Amino acid sequence: MIKKFKYLDQFIFIPYFILSIFGTLMVYSASSYVAIGQDKNPEFYFIKQTVFVCIGFLISLFIFALKYTALKQKKLIMNAILVIVGLLIYLLIFGKEINGAKGWLDIGPVGIQPAEFAKISVIWYFAYIFSRRQQQIVRDFWSTMKQPAFLFAVILLLIAIQPDIGGAAIILFIGIIMIFASGVSTKLGITMGALGIAIILGVVELVRVFGTKLPFLQPYQYDRFVAFWDPFEVSESAGLQLVNSYYALSRGGLFGVGIGESVQKTGYLPEPYTDFIISILGEELGLVGVIVVLSLFSFLVLRIYLIGIRTKDPFGSLMCIGIATMFLIQASINLGGVLGLMPITGVTFPFISYGGSSTIVLTISIGLVLNVSAMNRKQEIEDNN
């Protein structure tokens, strides 16, 4: 492991480390008032997030230290998928319901979200399957995709009916991008992309016309669409989060009111340390602070995409592309909800928001990318010698 550190990609590790430390500090700032209101220590969520980050850091180092070939073991990958499917089924029966969704499992004192672990499991599975079937995908796409598409559909369905639409959307986009990257024809890719956009727009229009008469739409989900269309009209109910998000960002201005000085986190903005932590960041550190964080995060995502493009091994390439896509889509959905560009889905911002399962999955992903990057750098040095 010590020898492997000379291949550590600093352009991945340093942004990840800075974002994790800064995110932990923002969780402290955004959560202290909420913790007091819950009769807890002001540092309650800060301490928990620190523990999550430390555990994730150790896991990422372990994955980085593994031999690259160990990541490609079929038995390990399939067992991971089966465990995720089993947990998602168990979740629907015995899961803990929070905010209208059965997304949590309590394991002793620890609560986990299987949907978070499903994201990295799908990426891992698709990278393995597609890397081994690249020629078949080009020759006979539909026949080759039957088995992976079935498993993918099962996982999507189990997450969607929790319901966790945000999580299902992230996994869906990950799958689509990885399919495109696996070698499908441009014509097929464009057709599938256009079909996907048409379906999304069609569902939104159905919601607009029929509302809660739709069998798949819960009242609280419809409220999120109403808040998206006209948040100020329902500012005392469904639009409360978005309106107060606007107030926070507006109050912050260019340079913010100062770290720890947010007003919106003191009971006005629900979930200030999870879904809407970017709003608190904007209020306390201003537009400049938000731009700095987004720039560092964008650099990390682009670096991972670059590693994926440069990697000659198809498995590693698809793994990096899937992980970068997960980061990008999750951040985009969170920002879209915070800015009112799309309905609020409860998706957190990577590395900045509070969350145990999310933090662990994100750091596992970083460990996988660092492993792939180390393999590349070692191979390049050996080829040059």
Protein backbone atom coordinates (compact mmCIF):
# COMPACT_ATOMS: atom_id res chain seq x y z
CA MET A 1 0.00 0.00 0.00
CA ILE A 2 2.88 2.38 0.85
CA LYS A 3 4.41 1.78 -2.60
CA LYS A 4 1.04 2.44 -4.22
CA PHE A 5 0.85 5.92 -2.67
CA LYS A 6 3.36 7.21 -5.22
CA TYR A 7 0.62 6.67 -7.83
CA LEU A 8 -2.01 8.57 -5.82
CA ASP A 9 -3.84 11.08 -8.02
CA GLN A 10 -3.53 14.38 -6.15
CA PHE A 11 -6.01 16.04 -8.54
CA ILE A 12 -8.69 13.66 -7.19
CA PHE A 13 -7.62 13.34 -3.57
CA ILE A 14 -7.06 17.03 -2.75
CA PRO A 15 -10.45 18.33 -4.05
CA TYR A 16 -12.21 15.42 -2.34
CA PHE A 17 -10.41 16.14 0.95
CA ILE A 18 -11.12 19.89 0.84
CA LEU A 19 -14.80 19.40 -0.03
CA SER A 20 -15.22 16.82 2.76
CA ILE A 21 -13.63 19.05 5.41
CA PHE A 22 -15.52 22.13 4.25
CA GLY A 23 -18.76 20.15 4.06
CA THR A 24 -18.34 18.97 7.64
CA LEU A 25 -17.86 22.56 8.81
CA MET A 26 -20.94 23.68 6.86
CA VAL A 27 -22.97 20.87 8.45
CA TYR A 28 -21.92 22.22 11.86
CA SER A 29 -22.95 25.76 10.94
CA ALA A 30 -26.24 24.71 9.34
CA SER A 31 -27.32 22.14 11.94
CA SER A 32 -26.45 23.61 15.33
CA TYR A 33 -29.74 25.52 15.76
CA VAL A 34 -31.78 22.49 14.65
CA ALA A 35 -29.90 20.25 17.09
CA ILE A 36 -30.65 22.64 19.98
CA GLY A 37 -34.33 22.64 18.99
CA GLN A 38 -34.27 18.83 19.23
CA ASP A 39 -32.79 19.01 22.75
CA LYS A 40 -29.44 17.79 21.50
CA ASN A 41 -25.90 19.09 21.75
CA PRO A 42 -25.22 21.83 19.13
CA GLU A 43 -22.36 19.67 17.85
CA PHE A 44 -24.56 16.56 17.48
CA TYR A 45 -24.77 16.46 13.67
CA PHE A 46 -21.23 17.83 13.30
CA ILE A 47 -19.81 14.95 15.35
CA LYS A 48 -21.84 12.36 13.44
CA GLN A 49 -20.77 13.79 10.09
CA THR A 50 -17.15 13.83 11.23
CA VAL A 51 -17.42 10.14 12.09
CA PHE A 52 -19.00 9.40 8.69
CA VAL A 53 -16.23 11.28 6.87
CA CYS A 54 -13.49 9.49 8.84
CA ILE A 55 -15.03 6.05 8.24
CA GLY A 56 -15.45 6.87 4.56
CA PHE A 57 -11.85 8.05 4.35
CA LEU A 58 -10.58 4.74 5.76
CA ILE A 59 -12.81 2.76 3.39
CA SER A 60 -11.55 4.78 0.41
CA LEU A 61 -7.93 4.05 1.41
CA PHE A 62 -8.73 0.35 1.69
CA ILE A 63 -10.31 0.27 -1.77
CA PHE A 64 -7.40 2.28 -3.18
CA ALA A 65 -4.97 -0.28 -1.73
CA LEU A 66 -6.75 -3.27 -3.31
CA LYS A 67 -5.30 -4.90 -6.39
CA TYR A 68 -7.09 -3.58 -9.45
CA THR A 69 -7.99 -7.11 -10.56
CA ALA A 70 -9.84 -7.68 -7.26
CA LEU A 71 -12.43 -5.13 -8.35
CA LYS A 72 -13.34 -7.26 -11.38
CA GLN A 73 -14.36 -10.47 -9.59
CA LYS A 74 -17.70 -11.61 -10.96
CA LYS A 75 -18.77 -13.42 -7.78
CA LEU A 76 -18.14 -10.34 -5.64
CA ILE A 77 -20.06 -8.06 -8.02
CA MET A 78 -23.07 -10.35 -8.36
CA ASN A 79 -23.25 -10.90 -4.61
CA ALA A 80 -23.26 -7.12 -4.10
CA ILE A 81 -26.18 -6.75 -6.54
CA LEU A 82 -28.14 -9.56 -4.87
CA VAL A 83 -27.59 -8.04 -1.42
CA ILE A 84 -28.83 -4.66 -2.66
CA VAL A 85 -31.94 -6.20 -4.23
CA GLY A 86 -32.60 -8.16 -1.03
CA LEU A 87 -32.23 -5.03 1.13
CA LEU A 88 -34.55 -3.04 -1.12
CA ILE A 89 -37.23 -5.75 -0.90
CA TYR A 90 -36.80 -6.00 2.88
CA LEU A 91 -37.01 -2.21 3.05
CA LEU A 92 -40.47 -2.11 1.49
CA ILE A 93 -41.75 -4.46 4.21
CA PHE A 94 -39.85 -3.39 7.31
CA GLY A 95 -38.29 -0.07 6.32
CA LYS A 96 -38.47 3.07 8.43
CA GLU A 97 -40.74 5.69 6.86
CA ILE A 98 -39.41 9.26 6.85
CA ASN A 99 -41.10 12.14 4.97
CA GLY A 100 -43.49 9.75 3.25
CA ALA A 101 -40.89 7.28 1.96
CA LYS A 102 -39.60 3.95 3.26
CA GLY A 103 -35.97 4.67 2.54
CA TRP A 104 -34.25 3.73 5.81
CA LEU A 105 -33.20 0.53 7.53
CA ASP A 106 -32.20 0.61 11.20
CA ILE A 107 -29.30 -1.71 11.93
CA GLY A 108 -28.71 -1.32 15.65
CA PRO A 109 -27.93 2.35 16.33
CA VAL A 110 -27.12 2.97 12.67
CA GLY A 111 -29.61 3.86 9.92
CA ILE A 112 -28.70 3.13 6.30
CA GLN A 113 -30.25 3.99 2.94
CA PRO A 114 -29.96 1.02 0.56
CA ALA A 115 -30.82 3.28 -2.39
CA GLU A 116 -27.51 5.11 -1.88
CA PHE A 117 -25.55 1.86 -2.05
CA ALA A 118 -27.61 0.80 -5.09
CA LYS A 119 -26.02 3.67 -7.06
CA ILE A 120 -22.45 2.43 -6.75
CA SER A 121 -23.57 -1.21 -7.11
CA VAL A 122 -25.26 -0.45 -10.45
CA ILE A 123 -22.14 1.39 -11.67
CA TRP A 124 -19.91 -1.51 -10.61
CA TYR A 125 -22.23 -4.11 -12.24
CA PHE A 126 -22.65 -2.20 -15.51
CA ALA A 127 -18.90 -1.54 -15.76
CA TYR A 128 -18.25 -5.27 -15.44
CA ILE A 129 -21.01 -6.45 -17.81
CA PHE A 130 -20.48 -3.81 -20.53
CA SER A 131 -16.69 -4.15 -20.50
CA ARG A 132 -17.01 -7.87 -21.19
CA ARG A 133 -19.68 -7.52 -23.88
CA GLN A 134 -18.57 -4.52 -25.93
CA GLN A 135 -18.50 -6.37 -29.24
CA GLN A 136 -21.86 -8.05 -28.59
CA ILE A 137 -23.41 -4.68 -27.70
CA VAL A 138 -22.36 -3.26 -31.06
CA ARG A 139 -23.59 -6.31 -33.01
CA ASP A 140 -26.83 -7.08 -31.17
CA PHE A 141 -27.71 -4.43 -28.60
CA TRP A 142 -31.18 -5.62 -27.58
CA SER A 143 -30.23 -9.27 -27.09
CA THR A 144 -27.11 -8.38 -25.12
CA MET A 145 -29.00 -5.97 -22.84
CA LYS A 146 -31.74 -8.38 -21.71
CA GLN A 147 -30.13 -9.61 -18.48
CA PRO A 148 -28.57 -6.33 -17.27
CA ALA A 149 -31.71 -4.39 -18.27
CA PHE A 150 -33.89 -6.74 -16.21
CA LEU A 151 -31.77 -6.33 -13.06
CA PHE A 152 -31.57 -2.59 -13.67
CA ALA A 153 -35.36 -2.33 -14.03
CA VAL A 154 -35.92 -4.34 -10.82
CA ILE A 155 -33.64 -2.03 -8.82
CA LEU A 156 -35.24 1.08 -10.32
CA LEU A 157 -38.74 -0.19 -9.54
CA LEU A 158 -37.90 -1.11 -5.96
CA ILE A 159 -36.47 2.36 -5.34
CA ALA A 160 -39.26 4.21 -7.16
CA ILE A 161 -42.04 2.55 -5.17
CA GLN A 162 -40.48 3.48 -1.77
CA PRO A 163 -41.04 6.15 -3.21
CA ASP A 164 -37.61 7.72 -3.81
CA ILE A 165 -37.98 9.46 -7.16
CA GLY A 166 -34.74 11.41 -6.76
CA GLY A 167 -32.70 8.28 -6.15
CA ALA A 168 -34.40 6.44 -9.01
CA ALA A 169 -33.74 9.38 -11.37
CA ILE A 170 -30.02 9.42 -10.50
CA ILE A 171 -29.67 5.67 -11.13
CA LEU A 172 -31.66 5.95 -14.37
CA PHE A 173 -29.36 8.69 -15.72
CA ILE A 174 -26.28 6.74 -14.62
CA GLY A 175 -27.53 3.70 -16.53
CA ILE A 176 -28.32 5.70 -19.67
CA ILE A 177 -24.91 7.41 -19.77
CA MET A 178 -23.05 4.14 -19.15
CA ILE A 179 -25.03 2.46 -21.94
CA PHE A 180 -24.05 5.30 -24.29
CA ALA A 181 -20.40 4.95 -23.23
CA SER A 182 -20.41 1.18 -23.73
CA GLY A 183 -20.30 1.41 -27.52
CA VAL A 184 -23.88 1.72 -28.80
CA SER A 185 -24.39 3.41 -32.15
CA THR A 186 -24.86 7.19 -32.25
CA LYS A 187 -28.26 6.77 -33.89
CA LEU A 188 -29.50 4.45 -31.16
CA GLY A 189 -28.08 6.72 -28.46
CA ILE A 190 -29.81 9.83 -29.85
CA THR A 191 -33.08 7.91 -30.25
CA MET A 192 -33.02 6.66 -26.67
CA GLY A 193 -32.08 10.11 -25.36
CA ALA A 194 -34.91 11.79 -27.25
CA LEU A 195 -37.35 9.13 -26.05
CA GLY A 196 -36.25 9.66 -22.44
CA ILE A 197 -36.74 13.44 -22.68
CA ALA A 198 -40.17 12.95 -24.27
CA ILE A 199 -41.23 10.61 -21.45
CA ILE A 200 -40.09 13.07 -18.75
CA LEU A 201 -41.92 15.98 -20.39
CA GLY A 202 -44.98 13.79 -20.87
CA VAL A 203 -45.07 12.79 -17.19
CA VAL A 204 -44.74 16.44 -16.10
CA GLU A 205 -47.66 17.40 -18.36
CA LEU A 206 -49.77 14.52 -17.01
CA VAL A 207 -49.09 15.74 -13.48
CA ARG A 208 -50.04 19.28 -14.47
CA VAL A 209 -53.35 18.17 -16.00
CA PHE A 210 -54.49 15.35 -13.71
CA GLY A 211 -52.64 16.02 -10.45
CA THR A 212 -53.39 13.61 -7.60
CA LYS A 213 -55.85 11.70 -9.80
CA LEU A 214 -52.82 9.87 -11.17
CA PRO A 215 -52.44 6.50 -9.37
CA PHE A 216 -48.64 6.76 -9.08
CA LEU A 217 -48.61 10.26 -7.54
CA GLN A 218 -48.83 10.84 -3.81
CA PRO A 219 -50.31 14.16 -2.52
CA TYR A 220 -46.99 15.32 -1.05
CA GLN A 221 -45.29 14.62 -4.40
CA TYR A 222 -47.89 16.71 -6.23
CA ASP A 223 -47.29 19.51 -3.73
CA ARG A 224 -43.65 19.57 -4.84
CA PHE A 225 -44.75 20.17 -8.43
CA VAL A 226 -47.11 22.93 -7.30
CA ALA A 227 -44.26 24.56 -5.38
CA PHE A 228 -42.06 24.28 -8.45
CA TRP A 229 -44.61 25.98 -10.71
CA ASP A 230 -45.48 28.87 -8.36
CA PRO A 231 -43.70 28.72 -4.97
CA PHE A 232 -44.87 32.15 -3.76
CA GLU A 233 -48.51 31.21 -4.33
CA VAL A 234 -48.12 28.42 -1.76
CA SER A 235 -45.36 30.03 0.32
CA GLU A 236 -47.01 29.04 3.61
CA SER A 237 -47.25 25.36 2.71
CA ALA A 238 -45.70 23.46 -0.21
CA GLY A 239 -43.59 26.41 -1.35
CA LEU A 240 -42.09 27.13 2.09
CA GLN A 241 -38.74 25.45 1.39
CA LEU A 242 -38.14 27.04 -2.00
CA VAL A 243 -39.23 30.53 -0.96
CA ASN A 244 -36.93 30.49 2.06
CA SER A 245 -34.16 29.13 -0.14
CA TYR A 246 -34.57 32.21 -2.33
CA TYR A 247 -34.50 34.45 0.74
CA ALA A 248 -31.29 32.82 1.97
CA LEU A 249 -29.51 33.20 -1.37
CA SER A 250 -30.77 36.78 -1.77
CA ARG A 251 -29.69 37.78 1.72
CA GLY A 252 -26.22 36.36 1.16
CA GLY A 253 -25.56 38.57 -1.83
CA LEU A 254 -22.03 38.55 -3.23
CA PHE A 255 -19.92 37.86 -0.13
CA GLY A 256 -22.45 36.56 2.42
CA VAL A 257 -23.34 37.61 5.95
CA GLY A 258 -20.56 35.59 7.57
CA ILE A 259 -20.09 31.98 8.62
CA GLY A 260 -22.56 31.01 11.34
CA GLU A 261 -24.71 34.13 10.79
CA SER A 262 -27.51 32.59 8.71
CA VAL A 263 -31.07 33.52 9.70
CA GLN A 264 -32.86 31.02 7.48
CA LYS A 265 -31.33 28.05 9.33
CA THR A 266 -33.01 29.17 12.57
CA GLY A 267 -36.33 27.52 11.79
CA TYR A 268 -37.32 29.21 8.53
CA LEU A 269 -35.71 26.75 6.10
CA PRO A 270 -36.47 23.05 6.76
CA GLU A 271 -33.58 20.60 6.27
CA PRO A 272 -30.90 23.33 6.28
CA TYR A 273 -28.04 20.86 6.73
CA THR A 274 -29.15 18.28 4.12
CA ASP A 275 -31.18 19.16 1.01
CA PHE A 276 -30.78 22.95 1.34
CA ILE A 277 -27.26 23.29 2.67
CA ILE A 278 -26.25 25.16 -0.51
CA SER A 279 -28.83 27.83 0.39
CA ILE A 280 -27.19 28.26 3.81
CA LEU A 281 -23.78 28.30 2.14
CA GLY A 282 -25.00 31.07 -0.18
CA GLU A 283 -26.43 33.06 2.73
CA GLU A 284 -23.30 32.82 4.87
CA LEU A 285 -20.55 32.97 2.23
CA GLY A 286 -22.41 34.59 -0.66
CA LEU A 287 -22.26 33.96 -4.38
CA VAL A 288 -18.46 33.89 -4.20
CA GLY A 289 -18.52 31.02 -1.71
CA VAL A 290 -20.99 29.04 -3.82
CA ILE A 291 -18.91 29.57 -6.97
CA VAL A 292 -15.72 28.41 -5.20
CA VAL A 293 -17.41 25.20 -4.01
CA LEU A 294 -19.01 24.52 -7.39
CA SER A 295 -15.72 25.19 -9.18
CA LEU A 296 -13.83 22.74 -6.97
CA PHE A 297 -16.58 20.15 -7.36
CA SER A 298 -16.67 20.65 -11.15
CA PHE A 299 -12.90 20.19 -11.32
CA LEU A 300 -13.26 16.88 -9.45
CA VAL A 301 -16.01 15.65 -11.79
CA LEU A 302 -14.12 16.66 -14.94
CA ARG A 303 -10.96 15.01 -13.63
CA ILE A 304 -12.83 11.73 -13.10
CA TYR A 305 -14.32 11.93 -16.61
CA LEU A 306 -10.81 12.56 -17.98
CA ILE A 307 -9.46 9.49 -16.20
CA GLY A 308 -12.35 7.47 -17.66
CA ILE A 309 -11.58 8.72 -21.17
CA ARG A 310 -7.84 8.04 -20.85
CA THR A 311 -8.18 4.59 -19.28
CA LYS A 312 -7.49 1.84 -21.79
CA ASP A 313 -9.16 -0.87 -19.72
CA PRO A 314 -12.92 -0.79 -20.52
CA PHE A 315 -13.93 -1.77 -16.96
CA GLY A 316 -12.00 1.09 -15.36
CA SER A 317 -13.14 3.51 -18.03
CA LEU A 318 -16.83 2.72 -17.54
CA MET A 319 -16.43 2.75 -13.75
CA CYS A 320 -15.03 6.31 -13.81
CA ILE A 321 -17.65 7.54 -16.28
CA GLY A 322 -20.43 6.09 -14.12
CA ILE A 323 -19.05 7.64 -10.92
CA ALA A 324 -18.51 11.07 -12.51
CA THR A 325 -22.07 10.91 -13.86
CA MET A 326 -23.42 10.02 -10.40
CA PHE A 327 -21.65 13.05 -8.89
CA LEU A 328 -22.81 15.35 -11.69
CA ILE A 329 -26.47 14.25 -11.75
CA GLN A 330 -26.82 14.29 -7.96
CA ALA A 331 -25.36 17.79 -7.71
CA SER A 332 -27.50 19.01 -10.62
CA ILE A 333 -30.73 17.68 -9.10
CA ASN A 334 -29.89 19.22 -5.72
CA LEU A 335 -29.06 22.62 -7.25
CA GLY A 336 -32.12 22.42 -9.47
CA GLY A 337 -34.32 22.01 -6.38
CA VAL A 338 -32.53 24.77 -4.43
CA LEU A 339 -32.85 27.24 -7.34
CA GLY A 340 -36.39 26.25 -8.34
CA LEU A 341 -35.35 24.86 -11.71
CA MET A 342 -36.98 21.50 -10.98
CA PRO A 343 -39.23 19.99 -8.28
CA ILE A 344 -37.59 19.29 -4.92
CA THR A 345 -36.64 15.61 -4.67
CA GLY A 346 -34.76 15.35 -1.38
CA VAL A 347 -31.39 14.73 -3.07
CA THR A 348 -28.35 15.97 -1.14
CA PHE A 349 -25.30 17.79 -2.52
CA PRO A 350 -22.22 15.50 -2.71
CA PHE A 351 -19.60 15.97 0.04
CA ILE A 352 -21.31 19.08 1.45
CA SER A 353 -24.66 17.84 2.82
CA TYR A 354 -25.09 15.78 5.97
CA GLY A 355 -25.70 12.05 5.53
CA GLY A 356 -24.04 8.80 6.55
CA SER A 357 -25.00 6.49 3.68
CA SER A 358 -24.36 9.20 1.09
CA THR A 359 -20.95 10.06 2.56
CA ILE A 360 -19.85 6.41 2.66
CA VAL A 361 -20.96 5.78 -0.94
CA LEU A 362 -19.25 8.93 -2.21
CA THR A 363 -15.97 7.99 -0.52
CA ILE A 364 -16.19 4.42 -1.82
CA SER A 365 -16.50 5.97 -5.26
CA ILE A 366 -13.42 8.12 -4.68
CA GLY A 367 -11.47 5.03 -3.62
CA LEU A 368 -12.49 3.22 -6.82
CA VAL A 369 -11.47 6.17 -9.00
CA LEU A 370 -8.12 6.49 -7.21
CA ASN A 371 -7.52 2.78 -7.79
CA VAL A 372 -8.23 3.10 -11.51
CA SER A 373 -6.06 6.22 -11.77
CA ALA A 374 -3.17 4.49 -9.94
CA MET A 375 -3.40 1.56 -12.34
CA ASN A 376 -3.20 3.99 -15.28
CA ARG A 377 -0.21 5.88 -13.92
CA LYS A 378 1.66 2.68 -13.09
CA GLN A 379 1.00 1.34 -16.59
CA GLU A 380 2.18 4.58 -18.20
CA ILE A 381 5.43 4.57 -16.21
CA GLU A 382 6.07 0.91 -17.09
CA ASP A 383 5.37 1.57 -20.78
CA ASN A 384 7.75 4.54 -20.83
CA ASN A 385 10.49 2.46 -19.23
